[in-house]
Amino acid sequence: MQNELIIVSEYCDKCHIEPSFIEMLQEIGLIDIRTEGGERCLQFAQLPDVERYSRMYYDLSINIEGIDAIHHLLERMENMQQEIYSLHSRLRLFEDVSR
């Protein structure tokens, strides 16, 4: 199901989102839109991201540049959490070896 495609225009109609908003997300590289059978589509797996971005844009009035900045900050935070987890694991291993 993750590889299934959603037609952008139908998704926008159903969720009351402007197609231009979806285009902006694609332009800054936050989502990938492809053309299948003459229709612009996005993967089902991208829907949680699109919904998060649309809430930021429509409900919180965050502009597209702000959404992009938040996206990059969240990615950076996730990377830092992974590094901390890795360091913590190595520290535990070191502590176990030194006993």
N, C-alpha and C. Protein backbone atom coordinates (compact mmCIF):
# COMPACT_ATOMS: atom_id res chain seq x y z
N MET A 1 0.82 -1.19 0.00
CA MET A 1 0.00 0.00 0.00
C MET A 1 0.86 1.26 0.00
N GLN A 2 2.08 1.19 0.55
CA GLN A 2 2.96 2.34 0.63
C GLN A 2 3.38 2.83 -0.75
N ASN A 3 3.36 1.97 -1.77
CA ASN A 3 3.75 2.36 -3.11
C ASN A 3 2.57 2.85 -3.95
N GLU A 4 1.37 2.82 -3.37
CA GLU A 4 0.20 3.26 -4.12
C GLU A 4 0.28 4.76 -4.34
N LEU A 5 -0.30 5.19 -5.46
CA LEU A 5 -0.27 6.60 -5.82
C LEU A 5 -1.63 7.25 -5.60
N ILE A 6 -1.59 8.50 -5.20
CA ILE A 6 -2.79 9.30 -4.99
C ILE A 6 -2.76 10.42 -6.03
N ILE A 7 -3.86 10.64 -6.72
CA ILE A 7 -3.93 11.73 -7.70
C ILE A 7 -4.02 13.05 -6.93
N VAL A 8 -3.10 13.95 -7.23
CA VAL A 8 -2.97 15.20 -6.49
C VAL A 8 -4.27 16.01 -6.55
N SER A 9 -4.86 16.17 -7.71
CA SER A 9 -6.07 17.00 -7.83
C SER A 9 -7.22 16.43 -7.00
N GLU A 10 -7.37 15.11 -6.98
CA GLU A 10 -8.44 14.49 -6.19
C GLU A 10 -8.16 14.66 -4.70
N TYR A 11 -6.91 14.48 -4.30
CA TYR A 11 -6.54 14.66 -2.90
C TYR A 11 -6.81 16.10 -2.46
N CYS A 12 -6.44 17.05 -3.30
CA CYS A 12 -6.64 18.46 -2.97
C CYS A 12 -8.12 18.79 -2.83
N ASP A 13 -8.93 18.27 -3.75
CA ASP A 13 -10.38 18.49 -3.67
C ASP A 13 -10.96 17.92 -2.38
N LYS A 14 -10.57 16.70 -2.07
CA LYS A 14 -11.11 16.02 -0.89
C LYS A 14 -10.68 16.70 0.41
N CYS A 15 -9.45 17.19 0.46
CA CYS A 15 -8.91 17.76 1.70
C CYS A 15 -8.95 19.28 1.73
N HIS A 16 -9.52 19.89 0.70
CA HIS A 16 -9.63 21.35 0.62
C HIS A 16 -8.26 22.03 0.71
N ILE A 17 -7.34 21.53 -0.09
CA ILE A 17 -5.99 22.08 -0.18
C ILE A 17 -5.80 22.63 -1.58
N GLU A 18 -5.17 23.77 -1.68
CA GLU A 18 -4.88 24.35 -2.98
C GLU A 18 -3.79 23.53 -3.68
N PRO A 19 -3.99 23.17 -4.94
CA PRO A 19 -2.94 22.46 -5.68
C PRO A 19 -1.62 23.22 -5.71
N SER A 20 -1.69 24.55 -5.68
CA SER A 20 -0.46 25.34 -5.67
C SER A 20 0.36 25.09 -4.41
N PHE A 21 -0.29 24.76 -3.30
CA PHE A 21 0.44 24.44 -2.07
C PHE A 21 1.24 23.16 -2.27
N ILE A 22 0.63 22.16 -2.90
CA ILE A 22 1.33 20.91 -3.19
C ILE A 22 2.52 21.18 -4.11
N GLU A 23 2.32 22.04 -5.09
CA GLU A 23 3.41 22.39 -6.01
C GLU A 23 4.57 23.06 -5.26
N MET A 24 4.22 23.94 -4.30
CA MET A 24 5.27 24.60 -3.52
C MET A 24 6.08 23.58 -2.72
N LEU A 25 5.39 22.60 -2.15
CA LEU A 25 6.09 21.55 -1.39
C LEU A 25 7.05 20.80 -2.30
N GLN A 26 6.61 20.55 -3.53
CA GLN A 26 7.49 19.85 -4.48
C GLN A 26 8.68 20.73 -4.86
N GLU A 27 8.43 22.00 -5.10
CA GLU A 27 9.50 22.90 -5.53
C GLU A 27 10.63 22.99 -4.51
N ILE A 28 10.30 22.95 -3.22
CA ILE A 28 11.37 23.04 -2.22
C ILE A 28 11.88 21.66 -1.81
N GLY A 29 11.35 20.62 -2.44
CA GLY A 29 11.88 19.27 -2.24
C GLY A 29 11.34 18.51 -1.05
N LEU A 30 10.21 18.94 -0.50
CA LEU A 30 9.64 18.23 0.64
C LEU A 30 8.81 17.02 0.24
N ILE A 31 8.28 17.03 -0.98
CA ILE A 31 7.55 15.87 -1.48
C ILE A 31 7.96 15.65 -2.94
N ASP A 32 7.64 14.46 -3.43
CA ASP A 32 7.95 14.10 -4.80
C ASP A 32 6.65 13.83 -5.54
N ILE A 33 6.39 14.58 -6.58
CA ILE A 33 5.21 14.36 -7.41
C ILE A 33 5.67 13.77 -8.73
N ARG A 34 4.98 12.73 -9.17
CA ARG A 34 5.30 12.13 -10.46
C ARG A 34 4.05 12.09 -11.32
N THR A 35 4.26 11.95 -12.60
CA THR A 35 3.14 11.88 -13.53
C THR A 35 2.94 10.43 -13.95
N GLU A 36 1.73 9.95 -13.75
CA GLU A 36 1.34 8.58 -14.12
C GLU A 36 0.05 8.68 -14.92
N GLY A 37 0.08 8.20 -16.16
CA GLY A 37 -1.13 8.21 -16.99
C GLY A 37 -1.69 9.61 -17.20
N GLY A 38 -0.83 10.59 -17.28
CA GLY A 38 -1.27 11.96 -17.49
C GLY A 38 -1.74 12.68 -16.23
N GLU A 39 -1.70 11.99 -15.11
CA GLU A 39 -2.14 12.59 -13.83
C GLU A 39 -0.94 12.83 -12.92
N ARG A 40 -0.96 13.95 -12.23
CA ARG A 40 0.09 14.22 -11.25
C ARG A 40 -0.27 13.48 -9.97
N CYS A 41 0.68 12.68 -9.47
CA CYS A 41 0.41 11.80 -8.33
C CYS A 41 1.52 11.92 -7.28
N LEU A 42 1.15 11.57 -6.06
CA LEU A 42 2.14 11.43 -5.00
C LEU A 42 1.93 10.10 -4.32
N GLN A 43 2.98 9.59 -3.71
CA GLN A 43 2.89 8.28 -3.07
C GLN A 43 2.10 8.36 -1.77
N PHE A 44 1.37 7.31 -1.50
CA PHE A 44 0.58 7.21 -0.28
C PHE A 44 1.44 7.45 0.95
N ALA A 45 2.67 6.98 0.92
CA ALA A 45 3.58 7.12 2.07
C ALA A 45 3.89 8.58 2.39
N GLN A 46 3.69 9.49 1.44
CA GLN A 46 3.96 10.91 1.67
C GLN A 46 2.79 11.64 2.33
N LEU A 47 1.63 11.01 2.40
CA LEU A 47 0.44 11.69 2.92
C LEU A 47 0.61 12.21 4.35
N PRO A 48 1.23 11.46 5.28
CA PRO A 48 1.40 12.04 6.62
C PRO A 48 2.21 13.33 6.61
N ASP A 49 3.23 13.39 5.76
CA ASP A 49 4.02 14.62 5.65
C ASP A 49 3.19 15.75 5.06
N VAL A 50 2.45 15.47 4.00
CA VAL A 50 1.62 16.49 3.36
C VAL A 50 0.59 17.01 4.36
N GLU A 51 0.00 16.11 5.14
CA GLU A 51 -0.99 16.54 6.13
C GLU A 51 -0.35 17.41 7.21
N ARG A 52 0.85 17.05 7.65
CA ARG A 52 1.56 17.84 8.66
C ARG A 52 1.88 19.22 8.10
N TYR A 53 2.39 19.26 6.86
CA TYR A 53 2.73 20.54 6.25
C TYR A 53 1.48 21.40 6.02
N SER A 54 0.38 20.78 5.62
CA SER A 54 -0.85 21.55 5.39
C SER A 54 -1.40 22.11 6.69
N ARG A 55 -1.27 21.38 7.79
CA ARG A 55 -1.70 21.91 9.09
C ARG A 55 -0.85 23.13 9.46
N MET A 56 0.45 23.04 9.23
CA MET A 56 1.33 24.17 9.52
C MET A 56 0.92 25.38 8.68
N TYR A 57 0.67 25.14 7.41
CA TYR A 57 0.40 26.22 6.46
C TYR A 57 -0.99 26.83 6.67
N TYR A 58 -2.01 25.99 6.73
CA TYR A 58 -3.38 26.49 6.80
C TYR A 58 -3.83 26.80 8.22
N ASP A 59 -3.50 25.96 9.17
CA ASP A 59 -3.99 26.15 10.54
C ASP A 59 -3.10 27.08 11.36
N LEU A 60 -1.79 27.00 11.15
CA LEU A 60 -0.86 27.79 11.95
C LEU A 60 -0.29 29.00 11.20
N SER A 61 -0.66 29.14 9.93
CA SER A 61 -0.22 30.26 9.09
C SER A 61 1.31 30.38 8.99
N ILE A 62 1.97 29.23 8.92
CA ILE A 62 3.42 29.21 8.73
C ILE A 62 3.67 29.20 7.22
N ASN A 63 4.51 30.12 6.75
CA ASN A 63 4.76 30.18 5.31
C ASN A 63 5.64 29.01 4.87
N ILE A 64 5.79 28.86 3.57
CA ILE A 64 6.48 27.70 3.01
C ILE A 64 7.95 27.66 3.44
N GLU A 65 8.57 28.84 3.57
CA GLU A 65 9.96 28.88 4.03
C GLU A 65 10.06 28.40 5.47
N GLY A 66 9.09 28.76 6.29
CA GLY A 66 9.06 28.30 7.68
C GLY A 66 8.86 26.80 7.77
N ILE A 67 8.00 26.26 6.91
CA ILE A 67 7.78 24.81 6.87
C ILE A 67 9.07 24.10 6.50
N ASP A 68 9.77 24.64 5.52
CA ASP A 68 11.04 24.06 5.10
C ASP A 68 12.05 24.09 6.25
N ALA A 69 12.13 25.21 6.95
CA ALA A 69 13.06 25.33 8.08
C ALA A 69 12.69 24.33 9.18
N ILE A 70 11.42 24.20 9.50
CA ILE A 70 10.98 23.25 10.52
C ILE A 70 11.32 21.83 10.10
N HIS A 71 11.09 21.51 8.83
CA HIS A 71 11.42 20.18 8.32
C HIS A 71 12.89 19.86 8.54
N HIS A 72 13.76 20.80 8.19
CA HIS A 72 15.20 20.56 8.32
C HIS A 72 15.63 20.49 9.79
N LEU A 73 15.01 21.29 10.64
CA LEU A 73 15.31 21.22 12.07
C LEU A 73 14.88 19.87 12.66
N LEU A 74 13.72 19.37 12.25
CA LEU A 74 13.26 18.06 12.73
C LEU A 74 14.18 16.94 12.25
N GLU A 75 14.63 17.03 10.99
CA GLU A 75 15.58 16.03 10.49
C GLU A 75 16.87 16.06 11.30
N ARG A 76 17.35 17.26 11.56
CA ARG A 76 18.59 17.40 12.33
C ARG A 76 18.42 16.85 13.75
N MET A 77 17.27 17.13 14.35
CA MET A 77 17.00 16.63 15.69
C MET A 77 16.95 15.10 15.71
N GLU A 78 16.34 14.49 14.70
CA GLU A 78 16.29 13.04 14.61
C GLU A 78 17.70 12.46 14.47
N ASN A 79 18.53 13.09 13.65
CA ASN A 79 19.92 12.63 13.49
C ASN A 79 20.68 12.73 14.81
N MET A 80 20.47 13.81 15.53
CA MET A 80 21.14 13.98 16.81
C MET A 80 20.67 12.93 17.82
N GLN A 81 19.38 12.60 17.81
CA GLN A 81 18.85 11.58 18.70
C GLN A 81 19.47 10.23 18.38
N GLN A 82 19.65 9.92 17.09
CA GLN A 82 20.29 8.67 16.70
C GLN A 82 21.74 8.64 17.17
N GLU A 83 22.44 9.76 17.05
CA GLU A 83 23.82 9.83 17.51
C GLU A 83 23.91 9.63 19.02
N ILE A 84 23.00 10.24 19.77
CA ILE A 84 22.99 10.08 21.21
C ILE A 84 22.72 8.63 21.58
N TYR A 85 21.77 7.99 20.90
CA TYR A 85 21.48 6.59 21.16
C TYR A 85 22.70 5.73 20.89
N SER A 86 23.39 6.00 19.78
CA SER A 86 24.59 5.24 19.43
C SER A 86 25.68 5.44 20.48
N LEU A 87 25.90 6.67 20.89
CA LEU A 87 26.90 6.96 21.92
C LEU A 87 26.54 6.29 23.24
N HIS A 88 25.28 6.33 23.58
CA HIS A 88 24.82 5.70 24.82
C HIS A 88 25.06 4.19 24.77
N SER A 89 24.77 3.58 23.63
CA SER A 89 25.00 2.14 23.48
C SER A 89 26.47 1.79 23.60
N ARG A 90 27.33 2.60 22.96
CA ARG A 90 28.77 2.34 23.05
C ARG A 90 29.29 2.56 24.47
N LEU A 91 28.74 3.54 25.16
CA LEU A 91 29.15 3.80 26.53
C LEU A 91 28.77 2.62 27.43
N ARG A 92 27.56 2.08 27.24
CA ARG A 92 27.16 0.91 28.02
C ARG A 92 28.06 -0.27 27.73
N LEU A 93 28.42 -0.47 26.47
CA LEU A 93 29.32 -1.55 26.09
C LEU A 93 30.68 -1.35 26.75
N PHE A 94 31.19 -0.14 26.73
CA PHE A 94 32.47 0.17 27.36
C PHE A 94 32.41 -0.08 28.85
N GLU A 95 31.31 0.33 29.50
CA GLU A 95 31.16 0.12 30.94
C GLU A 95 31.12 -1.37 31.27
N ASP A 96 30.44 -2.16 30.43
CA ASP A 96 30.35 -3.60 30.66
C ASP A 96 31.72 -4.26 30.50
N VAL A 97 32.52 -3.80 29.55
CA VAL A 97 33.84 -4.37 29.30
C VAL A 97 34.81 -4.01 30.43
N SER A 98 34.69 -2.79 30.95
CA SER A 98 35.63 -2.34 31.96
C SER A 98 35.33 -2.91 33.35
N ARG A 99 34.27 -3.62 33.55
CA ARG A 99 33.95 -4.19 34.87
C ARG A 99 34.68 -5.44 35.13
